[in-house]
């Protein structure tokens, strides 16, 4: 099933928000809660990578400030090298890399005449 660009962008933005929601729990003293939060963040990062992988080239080309290949590459690591995930890298991605991606996609949405939210 093919999803329209607008829906993929909405999926990515929702997954970014979910990562931010779960982020504080990654450092929770309750290790079971922290583990569940990590699972949730990893799933949402994989969703982001998969959706980015299917964005049209014209969308990604308009936003060279985002390393689109790295976003998709992160998904491949999460799915295919799940046994060797570095949690500090995941934290860095959530803390540092999601904002530029979000900003680019909000601009893309606005350029298409859609709502920024």
PDB file of N, CA and C in Angstrom:
ATOM      1  N   UNK A   1       0.845  -1.171   0.000  1.00  0.00           N
ATOM      2  CA  UNK A   1       0.000   0.000   0.000  1.00  0.00           C
ATOM      3  C   UNK A   1       0.893   1.238   0.000  1.00  0.00           C
ATOM      4  N   UNK A   2       0.610   2.140  -0.895  1.00  0.00           N
ATOM      5  CA  UNK A   2       1.357   3.381  -0.990  1.00  0.00           C
ATOM      6  C   UNK A   2       0.643   4.475  -0.218  1.00  0.00           C
ATOM      7  N   UNK A   3       1.418   5.197   0.574  1.00  0.00           N
ATOM      8  CA  UNK A   3       0.848   6.313   1.343  1.00  0.00           C
ATOM      9  C   UNK A   3       1.276   7.617   0.690  1.00  0.00           C
ATOM     10  N   UNK A   4       0.390   8.583   0.676  1.00  0.00           N
ATOM     11  CA  UNK A   4       0.744   9.884   0.098  1.00  0.00           C
ATOM     12  C   UNK A   4       1.830  10.577   0.930  1.00  0.00           C
ATOM     13  N   UNK A   5       2.548  11.449   0.274  1.00  0.00           N
ATOM     14  CA  UNK A   5       3.601  12.232   0.920  1.00  0.00           C
ATOM     15  C   UNK A   5       3.098  12.923   2.185  1.00  0.00           C
ATOM     16  N   UNK A   6       1.920  13.502   2.109  1.00  0.00           N
ATOM     17  CA  UNK A   6       1.389  14.233   3.269  1.00  0.00           C
ATOM     18  C   UNK A   6       1.201  13.317   4.478  1.00  0.00           C
ATOM     19  N   UNK A   7       0.767  12.100   4.232  1.00  0.00           N
ATOM     20  CA  UNK A   7       0.587  11.153   5.329  1.00  0.00           C
ATOM     21  C   UNK A   7       1.923  10.682   5.885  1.00  0.00           C
ATOM     22  N   UNK A   8       2.893  10.488   5.017  1.00  0.00           N
ATOM     23  CA  UNK A   8       4.223  10.078   5.493  1.00  0.00           C
ATOM     24  C   UNK A   8       4.842  11.180   6.349  1.00  0.00           C
ATOM     25  N   UNK A   9       4.693  12.427   5.920  1.00  0.00           N
ATOM     26  CA  UNK A   9       5.210  13.545   6.718  1.00  0.00           C
ATOM     27  C   UNK A   9       4.496  13.585   8.065  1.00  0.00           C
ATOM     28  N   UNK A  10       3.190  13.384   8.067  1.00  0.00           N
ATOM     29  CA  UNK A  10       2.435  13.355   9.328  1.00  0.00           C
ATOM     30  C   UNK A  10       2.915  12.205  10.218  1.00  0.00           C
ATOM     31  N   UNK A  11       3.202  11.060   9.626  1.00  0.00           N
ATOM     32  CA  UNK A  11       3.715   9.915  10.386  1.00  0.00           C
ATOM     33  C   UNK A  11       5.048  10.259  11.055  1.00  0.00           C
ATOM     34  N   UNK A  12       5.921  10.902  10.295  1.00  0.00           N
ATOM     35  CA  UNK A  12       7.245  11.265  10.819  1.00  0.00           C
ATOM     36  C   UNK A  12       7.103  12.264  11.961  1.00  0.00           C
ATOM     37  N   UNK A  13       6.287  13.290  11.753  1.00  0.00           N
ATOM     38  CA  UNK A  13       6.112  14.299  12.795  1.00  0.00           C
ATOM     39  C   UNK A  13       5.499  13.694  14.059  1.00  0.00           C
ATOM     40  N   UNK A  14       4.566  12.778  13.903  1.00  0.00           N
ATOM     41  CA  UNK A  14       3.970  12.104  15.069  1.00  0.00           C
ATOM     42  C   UNK A  14       5.007  11.235  15.782  1.00  0.00           C
ATOM     43  N   UNK A  15       5.851  10.561  15.029  1.00  0.00           N
ATOM     44  CA  UNK A  15       6.891   9.720  15.632  1.00  0.00           C
ATOM     45  C   UNK A  15       7.938  10.562  16.350  1.00  0.00           C
ATOM     46  N   UNK A  16       8.255  11.724  15.803  1.00  0.00           N
ATOM     47  CA  UNK A  16       9.177  12.642  16.483  1.00  0.00           C
ATOM     48  C   UNK A  16       8.586  13.059  17.817  1.00  0.00           C
ATOM     49  N   UNK A  17       7.316  13.419  17.817  1.00  0.00           N
ATOM     50  CA  UNK A  17       6.660  13.823  19.061  1.00  0.00           C
ATOM     51  C   UNK A  17       6.637  12.669  20.065  1.00  0.00           C
ATOM     52  N   UNK A  18       6.392  11.475  19.594  1.00  0.00           N
ATOM     53  CA  UNK A  18       6.395  10.314  20.490  1.00  0.00           C
ATOM     54  C   UNK A  18       7.778  10.113  21.110  1.00  0.00           C
ATOM     55  N   UNK A  19       8.827  10.247  20.316  1.00  0.00           N
ATOM     56  CA  UNK A  19      10.192  10.120  20.849  1.00  0.00           C
ATOM     57  C   UNK A  19      10.438  11.143  21.951  1.00  0.00           C
ATOM     58  N   UNK A  20       9.989  12.342  21.735  1.00  0.00           N
ATOM     59  CA  UNK A  20      10.154  13.390  22.755  1.00  0.00           C
ATOM     60  C   UNK A  20       9.345  13.082  24.018  1.00  0.00           C
ATOM     61  N   UNK A  21       8.180  12.514  23.833  1.00  0.00           N
ATOM     62  CA  UNK A  21       7.337  12.160  24.981  1.00  0.00           C
ATOM     63  C   UNK A  21       8.009  11.078  25.828  1.00  0.00           C
ATOM     64  N   UNK A  22       8.608  10.092  25.175  1.00  0.00           N
ATOM     65  CA  UNK A  22       9.218   8.967  25.873  1.00  0.00           C
ATOM     66  C   UNK A  22      10.625   9.265  26.385  1.00  0.00           C
ATOM     67  N   UNK A  23      11.261  10.295  25.844  1.00  0.00           N
ATOM     68  CA  UNK A  23      12.664  10.590  26.165  1.00  0.00           C
ATOM     69  C   UNK A  23      12.952  10.700  27.658  1.00  0.00           C
ATOM     70  N   UNK A  24      12.164  11.417  28.451  1.00  0.00           N
ATOM     71  CA  UNK A  24      12.486  11.525  29.881  1.00  0.00           C
ATOM     72  C   UNK A  24      12.525  10.176  30.598  1.00  0.00           C
ATOM     73  N   UNK A  25      11.759   9.221  30.132  1.00  0.00           N
ATOM     74  CA  UNK A  25      11.689   7.916  30.774  1.00  0.00           C
ATOM     75  C   UNK A  25      12.906   7.040  30.482  1.00  0.00           C
ATOM     76  N   UNK A  26      13.724   7.450  29.518  1.00  0.00           N
ATOM     77  CA  UNK A  26      14.924   6.672  29.200  1.00  0.00           C
ATOM     78  C   UNK A  26      15.942   6.708  30.330  1.00  0.00           C
ATOM     79  N   UNK A  27      15.828   7.709  31.181  1.00  0.00           N
ATOM     80  CA  UNK A  27      16.755   7.829  32.307  1.00  0.00           C
ATOM     81  C   UNK A  27      16.055   7.554  33.639  1.00  0.00           C
ATOM     82  N   UNK A  28      14.962   6.874  33.562  1.00  0.00           N
ATOM     83  CA  UNK A  28      14.161   6.526  34.740  1.00  0.00           C
ATOM     84  C   UNK A  28      14.928   5.531  35.619  1.00  0.00           C
ATOM     85  N   UNK A  29      14.820   5.710  36.915  1.00  0.00           N
ATOM     86  CA  UNK A  29      15.470   4.798  37.863  1.00  0.00           C
ATOM     87  C   UNK A  29      14.880   3.389  37.764  1.00  0.00           C
ATOM     88  N   UNK A  30      13.605   3.315  37.456  1.00  0.00           N
ATOM     89  CA  UNK A  30      12.954   2.012  37.271  1.00  0.00           C
ATOM     90  C   UNK A  30      13.433   1.447  35.931  1.00  0.00           C
ATOM     91  N   UNK A  31      14.295   0.457  35.981  1.00  0.00           N
ATOM     92  CA  UNK A  31      14.912  -0.061  34.753  1.00  0.00           C
ATOM     93  C   UNK A  31      13.887  -0.668  33.793  1.00  0.00           C
ATOM     94  N   UNK A  32      12.808  -1.223  34.317  1.00  0.00           N
ATOM     95  CA  UNK A  32      11.781  -1.776  33.423  1.00  0.00           C
ATOM     96  C   UNK A  32      11.077  -0.675  32.651  1.00  0.00           C
ATOM     97  N   UNK A  33      10.802   0.435  33.312  1.00  0.00           N
ATOM     98  CA  UNK A  33      10.173   1.572  32.641  1.00  0.00           C
ATOM     99  C   UNK A  33      11.130   2.160  31.607  1.00  0.00           C
ATOM    100  N   UNK A  34      12.395   2.271  31.958  1.00  0.00           N
ATOM    101  CA  UNK A  34      13.395   2.787  31.018  1.00  0.00           C
ATOM    102  C   UNK A  34      13.516   1.874  29.795  1.00  0.00           C
ATOM    103  N   UNK A  35      13.460   0.581  30.018  1.00  0.00           N
ATOM    104  CA  UNK A  35      13.543  -0.379  28.914  1.00  0.00           C
ATOM    105  C   UNK A  35      12.321  -0.267  27.995  1.00  0.00           C
ATOM    106  N   UNK A  36      11.149  -0.093  28.582  1.00  0.00           N
ATOM    107  CA  UNK A  36       9.941   0.081  27.762  1.00  0.00           C
ATOM    108  C   UNK A  36      10.018   1.376  26.956  1.00  0.00           C
ATOM    109  N   UNK A  37      10.523   2.434  27.582  1.00  0.00           N
ATOM    110  CA  UNK A  37      10.661   3.705  26.873  1.00  0.00           C
ATOM    111  C   UNK A  37      11.654   3.567  25.723  1.00  0.00           C
ATOM    112  N   UNK A  38      12.746   2.849  25.957  1.00  0.00           N
ATOM    113  CA  UNK A  38      13.721   2.633  24.890  1.00  0.00           C
ATOM    114  C   UNK A  38      13.088   1.867  23.733  1.00  0.00           C
ATOM    115  N   UNK A  39      12.330   0.831  24.042  1.00  0.00           N
ATOM    116  CA  UNK A  39      11.631   0.084  22.984  1.00  0.00           C
ATOM    117  C   UNK A  39      10.723   1.011  22.175  1.00  0.00           C
ATOM    118  N   UNK A  40      10.007   1.889  22.871  1.00  0.00           N
ATOM    119  CA  UNK A  40       9.093   2.806  22.186  1.00  0.00           C
ATOM    120  C   UNK A  40       9.855   3.796  21.315  1.00  0.00           C
ATOM    121  N   UNK A  41      10.961   4.321  21.821  1.00  0.00           N
ATOM    122  CA  UNK A  41      11.768   5.265  21.029  1.00  0.00           C
ATOM    123  C   UNK A  41      12.355   4.566  19.815  1.00  0.00           C
ATOM    124  N   UNK A  42      12.888   3.374  20.001  1.00  0.00           N
ATOM    125  CA  UNK A  42      13.477   2.642  18.872  1.00  0.00           C
ATOM    126  C   UNK A  42      12.434   2.372  17.790  1.00  0.00           C
ATOM    127  N   UNK A  43      11.242   1.986  18.187  1.00  0.00           N
ATOM    128  CA  UNK A  43      10.184   1.741  17.210  1.00  0.00           C
ATOM    129  C   UNK A  43       9.857   3.006  16.437  1.00  0.00           C
ATOM    130  N   UNK A  44       9.744   4.118  17.136  1.00  0.00           N
ATOM    131  CA  UNK A  44       9.408   5.369  16.459  1.00  0.00           C
ATOM    132  C   UNK A  44      10.540   5.861  15.570  1.00  0.00           C
ATOM    133  N   UNK A  45      11.790   5.637  15.965  1.00  0.00           N
ATOM    134  CA  UNK A  45      12.906   5.990  15.088  1.00  0.00           C
ATOM    135  C   UNK A  45      12.891   5.125  13.823  1.00  0.00           C
ATOM    136  N   UNK A  46      12.511   3.870  13.972  1.00  0.00           N
ATOM    137  CA  UNK A  46      12.389   3.003  12.795  1.00  0.00           C
ATOM    138  C   UNK A  46      11.261   3.477  11.881  1.00  0.00           C
ATOM    139  N   UNK A  47      10.149   3.905  12.459  1.00  0.00           N
ATOM    140  CA  UNK A  47       9.042   4.457  11.661  1.00  0.00           C
ATOM    141  C   UNK A  47       9.513   5.688  10.903  1.00  0.00           C
ATOM    142  N   UNK A  48      10.260   6.550  11.573  1.00  0.00           N
ATOM    143  CA  UNK A  48      10.782   7.756  10.928  1.00  0.00           C
ATOM    144  C   UNK A  48      11.644   7.371   9.734  1.00  0.00           C
ATOM    145  N   UNK A  49      12.563   6.447   9.934  1.00  0.00           N
ATOM    146  CA  UNK A  49      13.454   6.039   8.847  1.00  0.00           C
ATOM    147  C   UNK A  49      12.716   5.416   7.683  1.00  0.00           C
ATOM    148  N   UNK A  50      11.738   4.597   7.986  1.00  0.00           N
ATOM    149  CA  UNK A  50      10.962   3.955   6.918  1.00  0.00           C
ATOM    150  C   UNK A  50      10.160   4.986   6.137  1.00  0.00           C
ATOM    151  N   UNK A  51       9.522   5.898   6.836  1.00  0.00           N
ATOM    152  CA  UNK A  51       8.728   6.922   6.150  1.00  0.00           C
ATOM    153  C   UNK A  51       9.624   7.848   5.330  1.00  0.00           C
ATOM    154  N   UNK A  52      10.769   8.236   5.871  1.00  0.00           N
ATOM    155  CA  UNK A  52      11.708   9.084   5.123  1.00  0.00           C
ATOM    156  C   UNK A  52      12.169   8.366   3.863  1.00  0.00           C
ATOM    157  N   UNK A  53      12.396   7.081   3.960  1.00  0.00           N
ATOM    158  CA  UNK A  53      12.858   6.299   2.812  1.00  0.00           C
ATOM    159  C   UNK A  53      11.875   6.364   1.644  1.00  0.00           C
ATOM    160  N   UNK A  54      10.622   6.657   1.928  1.00  0.00           N
ATOM    161  CA  UNK A  54       9.599   6.699   0.881  1.00  0.00           C
ATOM    162  C   UNK A  54       9.155   8.118   0.516  1.00  0.00           C
ATOM    163  N   UNK A  55       9.836   9.120   1.070  1.00  0.00           N
ATOM    164  CA  UNK A  55       9.512  10.497   0.660  1.00  0.00           C
ATOM    165  C   UNK A  55      10.004  10.736  -0.762  1.00  0.00           C
ATOM    166  N   UNK A  56       9.270  11.523  -1.530  1.00  0.00           N
ATOM    167  CA  UNK A  56       9.705  11.839  -2.889  1.00  0.00           C
ATOM    168  C   UNK A  56      11.014  12.635  -2.872  1.00  0.00           C
ATOM    169  N   UNK A  57      11.815  12.429  -3.891  1.00  0.00           N
ATOM    170  CA  UNK A  57      13.102  13.107  -4.008  1.00  0.00           C
ATOM    171  C   UNK A  57      12.945  14.619  -4.007  1.00  0.00           C
ATOM    172  N   UNK A  58      11.875  15.131  -4.570  1.00  0.00           N
ATOM    173  CA  UNK A  58      11.715  16.588  -4.598  1.00  0.00           C
ATOM    174  C   UNK A  58      11.577  17.162  -3.186  1.00  0.00           C
ATOM    175  N   UNK A  59      11.019  16.409  -2.263  1.00  0.00           N
ATOM    176  CA  UNK A  59      10.905  16.868  -0.873  1.00  0.00           C
ATOM    177  C   UNK A  59      12.289  16.889  -0.231  1.00  0.00           C
ATOM    178  N   UNK A  60      12.998  15.805  -0.346  1.00  0.00           N
ATOM    179  CA  UNK A  60      14.307  15.725   0.299  1.00  0.00           C
ATOM    180  C   UNK A  60      15.320  16.668  -0.352  1.00  0.00           C
ATOM    181  N   UNK A  61      15.231  16.854  -1.648  1.00  0.00           N
ATOM    182  CA  UNK A  61      16.172  17.743  -2.337  1.00  0.00           C
ATOM    183  C   UNK A  61      16.011  19.198  -1.908  1.00  0.00           C
ATOM    184  N   UNK A  62      14.815  19.583  -1.522  1.00  0.00           N
ATOM    185  CA  UNK A  62      14.577  20.966  -1.074  1.00  0.00           C
ATOM    186  C   UNK A  62      15.125  21.232   0.323  1.00  0.00           C
ATOM    187  N   UNK A  63      15.567  20.191   1.000  1.00  0.00           N
ATOM    188  CA  UNK A  63      16.037  20.339   2.375  1.00  0.00           C
ATOM    189  C   UNK A  63      17.374  19.625   2.569  1.00  0.00           C
ATOM    190  N   UNK A  64      18.421  20.173   1.947  1.00  0.00           N
ATOM    191  CA  UNK A  64      19.740  19.531   2.059  1.00  0.00           C
ATOM    192  C   UNK A  64      20.354  19.636   3.452  1.00  0.00           C
ATOM    193  N   UNK A  65      19.751  20.442   4.322  1.00  0.00           N
ATOM    194  CA  UNK A  65      20.265  20.570   5.686  1.00  0.00           C
ATOM    195  C   UNK A  65      20.046  19.296   6.504  1.00  0.00           C
ATOM    196  N   UNK A  66      19.184  18.420   6.013  1.00  0.00           N
ATOM    197  CA  UNK A  66      18.920  17.145   6.684  1.00  0.00           C
ATOM    198  C   UNK A  66      19.726  16.053   5.979  1.00  0.00           C
ATOM    199  N   UNK A  67      20.387  15.245   6.766  1.00  0.00           N
ATOM    200  CA  UNK A  67      21.115  14.102   6.217  1.00  0.00           C
ATOM    201  C   UNK A  67      20.129  12.941   6.078  1.00  0.00           C
ATOM    202  N   UNK A  68      19.403  12.954   4.980  1.00  0.00           N
ATOM    203  CA  UNK A  68      18.331  11.977   4.751  1.00  0.00           C
ATOM    204  C   UNK A  68      18.865  10.547   4.754  1.00  0.00           C
ATOM    205  N   UNK A  69      20.049  10.353   4.178  1.00  0.00           N
ATOM    206  CA  UNK A  69      20.636   8.999   4.141  1.00  0.00           C
ATOM    207  C   UNK A  69      20.915   8.496   5.553  1.00  0.00           C
ATOM    208  N   UNK A  70      21.335   9.393   6.439  1.00  0.00           N
ATOM    209  CA  UNK A  70      21.604   8.993   7.822  1.00  0.00           C
ATOM    210  C   UNK A  70      20.314   8.593   8.533  1.00  0.00           C
ATOM    211  N   UNK A  71      19.224   9.285   8.225  1.00  0.00           N
ATOM    212  CA  UNK A  71      17.930   8.952   8.840  1.00  0.00           C
ATOM    213  C   UNK A  71      17.522   7.532   8.431  1.00  0.00           C
ATOM    214  N   UNK A  72      17.621   7.255   7.153  1.00  0.00           N
ATOM    215  CA  UNK A  72      17.283   5.913   6.660  1.00  0.00           C
ATOM    216  C   UNK A  72      18.288   4.896   7.186  1.00  0.00           C
ATOM    217  N   UNK A  73      19.550   5.282   7.245  1.00  0.00           N
ATOM    218  CA  UNK A  73      20.589   4.392   7.770  1.00  0.00           C
ATOM    219  C   UNK A  73      20.340   4.002   9.218  1.00  0.00           C
ATOM    220  N   UNK A  74      19.846   4.945   9.995  1.00  0.00           N
ATOM    221  CA  UNK A  74      19.518   4.647  11.391  1.00  0.00           C
ATOM    222  C   UNK A  74      18.437   3.581  11.459  1.00  0.00           C
ATOM    223  N   UNK A  75      17.458   3.674  10.590  1.00  0.00           N
ATOM    224  CA  UNK A  75      16.397   2.662  10.543  1.00  0.00           C
ATOM    225  C   UNK A  75      16.983   1.291  10.243  1.00  0.00           C
ATOM    226  N   UNK A  76      17.925   1.245   9.285  1.00  0.00           N
ATOM    227  CA  UNK A  76      18.536  -0.035   8.929  1.00  0.00           C
ATOM    228  C   UNK A  76      19.305  -0.631  10.113  1.00  0.00           C
ATOM    229  N   UNK A  77      20.010   0.210  10.840  1.00  0.00           N
ATOM    230  CA  UNK A  77      20.729  -0.267  12.025  1.00  0.00           C
ATOM    231  C   UNK A  77      19.743  -0.804  13.060  1.00  0.00           C
ATOM    232  N   UNK A  78      18.679  -0.055  13.316  1.00  0.00           N
ATOM    233  CA  UNK A  78      17.705  -0.475  14.327  1.00  0.00           C
ATOM    234  C   UNK A  78      17.031  -1.798  13.973  1.00  0.00           C
ATOM    235  N   UNK A  79      16.790  -2.002  12.687  1.00  0.00           N
ATOM    236  CA  UNK A  79      16.080  -3.200  12.254  1.00  0.00           C
ATOM    237  C   UNK A  79      17.019  -4.386  12.037  1.00  0.00           C
ATOM    238  N   UNK A  80      18.187  -4.129  11.459  1.00  0.00           N
ATOM    239  CA  UNK A  80      19.073  -5.229  11.071  1.00  0.00           C
ATOM    240  C   UNK A  80      20.223  -5.471  12.041  1.00  0.00           C
ATOM    241  N   UNK A  81      20.570  -4.475  12.840  1.00  0.00           N
ATOM    242  CA  UNK A  81      21.644  -4.652  13.824  1.00  0.00           C
ATOM    243  C   UNK A  81      21.114  -4.348  15.225  1.00  0.00           C
ATOM    244  N   UNK A  82      19.897  -4.755  15.459  1.00  0.00           N
ATOM    245  CA  UNK A  82      19.193  -4.503  16.717  1.00  0.00           C
ATOM    246  C   UNK A  82      19.987  -4.972  17.936  1.00  0.00           C
ATOM    247  N   UNK A  83      20.832  -5.943  17.758  1.00  0.00           N
ATOM    248  CA  UNK A  83      21.599  -6.533  18.849  1.00  0.00           C
ATOM    249  C   UNK A  83      22.793  -5.682  19.268  1.00  0.00           C
ATOM    250  N   UNK A  84      23.067  -4.621  18.504  1.00  0.00           N
ATOM    251  CA  UNK A  84      24.264  -3.808  18.752  1.00  0.00           C
ATOM    252  C   UNK A  84      23.924  -2.320  18.778  1.00  0.00           C
ATOM    253  N   UNK A  85      22.796  -1.974  19.366  1.00  0.00           N
ATOM    254  CA  UNK A  85      22.360  -0.575  19.410  1.00  0.00           C
ATOM    255  C   UNK A  85      23.045   0.130  20.571  1.00  0.00           C
ATOM    256  N   UNK A  86      23.630   1.276  20.269  1.00  0.00           N
ATOM    257  CA  UNK A  86      24.306   2.100  21.267  1.00  0.00           C
ATOM    258  C   UNK A  86      23.295   3.117  21.800  1.00  0.00           C
ATOM    259  N   UNK A  87      22.921   2.978  23.052  1.00  0.00           N
ATOM    260  CA  UNK A  87      21.888   3.830  23.636  1.00  0.00           C
ATOM    261  C   UNK A  87      22.321   5.302  23.637  1.00  0.00           C
ATOM    262  N   UNK A  88      23.594   5.570  23.819  1.00  0.00           N
ATOM    263  CA  UNK A  88      24.043   6.971  23.805  1.00  0.00           C
ATOM    264  C   UNK A  88      23.853   7.593  22.423  1.00  0.00           C
ATOM    265  N   UNK A  89      23.985   6.812  21.371  1.00  0.00           N
ATOM    266  CA  UNK A  89      23.720   7.314  20.017  1.00  0.00           C
ATOM    267  C   UNK A  89      22.229   7.597  19.868  1.00  0.00           C
ATOM    268  N   UNK A  90      21.400   6.724  20.382  1.00  0.00           N
ATOM    269  CA  UNK A  90      19.949   6.929  20.326  1.00  0.00           C
ATOM    270  C   UNK A  90      19.578   8.217  21.059  1.00  0.00           C
ATOM    271  N   UNK A  91      20.145   8.422  22.230  1.00  0.00           N
ATOM    272  CA  UNK A  91      19.873   9.642  22.991  1.00  0.00           C
ATOM    273  C   UNK A  91      20.301  10.878  22.211  1.00  0.00           C
ATOM    274  N   UNK A  92      21.465  10.809  21.577  1.00  0.00           N
ATOM    275  CA  UNK A  92      21.949  11.938  20.782  1.00  0.00           C
ATOM    276  C   UNK A  92      21.004  12.225  19.615  1.00  0.00           C
ATOM    277  N   UNK A  93      20.535  11.185  18.961  1.00  0.00           N
ATOM    278  CA  UNK A  93      19.602  11.368  17.844  1.00  0.00           C
ATOM    279  C   UNK A  93      18.336  12.060  18.334  1.00  0.00           C
ATOM    280  N   UNK A  94      17.787  11.578  19.425  1.00  0.00           N
ATOM    281  CA  UNK A  94      16.549  12.172  19.948  1.00  0.00           C
ATOM    282  C   UNK A  94      16.790  13.617  20.392  1.00  0.00           C
ATOM    283  N   UNK A  95      17.906  13.850  21.068  1.00  0.00           N
ATOM    284  CA  UNK A  95      18.184  15.179  21.628  1.00  0.00           C
ATOM    285  C   UNK A  95      18.655  16.191  20.590  1.00  0.00           C
ATOM    286  N   UNK A  96      19.360  15.741  19.551  1.00  0.00           N
ATOM    287  CA  UNK A  96      20.006  16.678  18.631  1.00  0.00           C
ATOM    288  C   UNK A  96      19.508  16.624  17.186  1.00  0.00           C
ATOM    289  N   UNK A  97      19.118  15.470  16.724  1.00  0.00           N
ATOM    290  CA  UNK A  97      18.874  15.298  15.284  1.00  0.00           C
ATOM    291  C   UNK A  97      17.414  15.397  14.860  1.00  0.00           C
ATOM    292  N   UNK A  98      16.501  15.236  15.771  1.00  0.00           N
ATOM    293  CA  UNK A  98      15.090  15.250  15.380  1.00  0.00           C
ATOM    294  C   UNK A  98      14.576  16.659  15.083  1.00  0.00           C
ATOM    295  N   UNK A  99      15.107  17.662  15.751  1.00  0.00           N
ATOM    296  CA  UNK A  99      14.629  19.031  15.528  1.00  0.00           C
ATOM    297  C   UNK A  99      14.867  19.511  14.096  1.00  0.00           C
ATOM    298  N   UNK A 100      16.078  19.363  13.536  1.00  0.00           N
ATOM    299  CA  UNK A 100      16.257  19.795  12.140  1.00  0.00           C
ATOM    300  C   UNK A 100      15.351  19.029  11.163  1.00  0.00           C
ATOM    301  N   UNK A 101      15.138  17.754  11.424  1.00  0.00           N
ATOM    302  CA  UNK A 101      14.241  16.962  10.584  1.00  0.00           C
ATOM    303  C   UNK A 101      12.818  17.492  10.697  1.00  0.00           C
ATOM    304  N   UNK A 102      12.385  17.736  11.902  1.00  0.00           N
ATOM    305  CA  UNK A 102      11.039  18.269  12.127  1.00  0.00           C
ATOM    306  C   UNK A 102      10.869  19.619  11.430  1.00  0.00           C
ATOM    307  N   UNK A 103      11.835  20.503  11.583  1.00  0.00           N
ATOM    308  CA  UNK A 103      11.753  21.831  10.960  1.00  0.00           C
ATOM    309  C   UNK A 103      11.663  21.731   9.442  1.00  0.00           C
ATOM    310  N   UNK A 104      12.458  20.849   8.843  1.00  0.00           N
ATOM    311  CA  UNK A 104      12.416  20.668   7.384  1.00  0.00           C
ATOM    312  C   UNK A 104      11.051  20.152   6.938  1.00  0.00           C
ATOM    313  N   UNK A 105      10.482  19.228   7.691  1.00  0.00           N
ATOM    314  CA  UNK A 105       9.194  18.659   7.291  1.00  0.00           C
ATOM    315  C   UNK A 105       8.046  19.633   7.513  1.00  0.00           C
ATOM    316  N   UNK A 106       8.150  20.479   8.524  1.00  0.00           N
ATOM    317  CA  UNK A 106       7.137  21.519   8.695  1.00  0.00           C
ATOM    318  C   UNK A 106       7.206  22.496   7.530  1.00  0.00           C
ATOM    319  N   UNK A 107       8.405  22.847   7.088  1.00  0.00           N
ATOM    320  CA  UNK A 107       8.561  23.710   5.910  1.00  0.00           C
ATOM    321  C   UNK A 107       7.989  23.029   4.668  1.00  0.00           C
ATOM    322  N   UNK A 108       8.256  21.748   4.522  1.00  0.00           N
ATOM    323  CA  UNK A 108       7.739  21.005   3.367  1.00  0.00           C
ATOM    324  C   UNK A 108       6.220  20.982   3.388  1.00  0.00           C
ATOM    325  N   UNK A 109       5.660  20.788   4.546  1.00  0.00           N
ATOM    326  CA  UNK A 109       4.203  20.769   4.685  1.00  0.00           C
ATOM    327  C   UNK A 109       3.613  22.132   4.337  1.00  0.00           C
ATOM    328  N   UNK A 110       4.238  23.190   4.818  1.00  0.00           N
ATOM    329  CA  UNK A 110       3.763  24.542   4.506  1.00  0.00           C
ATOM    330  C   UNK A 110       3.875  24.834   3.010  1.00  0.00           C
ATOM    331  N   UNK A 111       4.957  24.365   2.381  1.00  0.00           N
ATOM    332  CA  UNK A 111       5.153  24.604   0.944  1.00  0.00           C
ATOM    333  C   UNK A 111       4.048  23.924   0.123  1.00  0.00           C
ATOM    334  N   UNK A 112       3.517  22.847   0.660  1.00  0.00           N
ATOM    335  CA  UNK A 112       2.429  22.135  -0.027  1.00  0.00           C
ATOM    336  C   UNK A 112       1.069  22.717   0.347  1.00  0.00           C
ATOM    337  N   UNK A 113       1.074  23.759   1.177  1.00  0.00           N
ATOM    338  CA  UNK A 113      -0.184  24.391   1.565  1.00  0.00           C
ATOM    339  C   UNK A 113      -0.889  23.738   2.720  1.00  0.00           C
ATOM    340  N   UNK A 114      -0.158  22.879   3.422  1.00  0.00           N
ATOM    341  CA  UNK A 114      -0.765  22.180   4.545  1.00  0.00           C
ATOM    342  C   UNK A 114      -0.531  22.882   5.856  1.00  0.00           C
ATOM    343  N   UNK A 115      -1.169  22.378   6.872  1.00  0.00           N
ATOM    344  CA  UNK A 115      -1.021  22.919   8.217  1.00  0.00           C
ATOM    345  C   UNK A 115       0.357  22.554   8.760  1.00  0.00           C
ATOM    346  N   UNK A 116       1.011  23.441   9.486  1.00  0.00           N
ATOM    347  CA  UNK A 116       2.321  23.113  10.048  1.00  0.00           C
ATOM    348  C   UNK A 116       2.254  22.080  11.153  1.00  0.00           C
ATOM    349  N   UNK A 117       1.090  21.854  11.729  1.00  0.00           N
ATOM    350  CA  UNK A 117       0.953  20.876  12.807  1.00  0.00           C
ATOM    351  C   UNK A 117       0.377  19.637  12.292  1.00  0.00           C
TER     352      UNK A 117
END
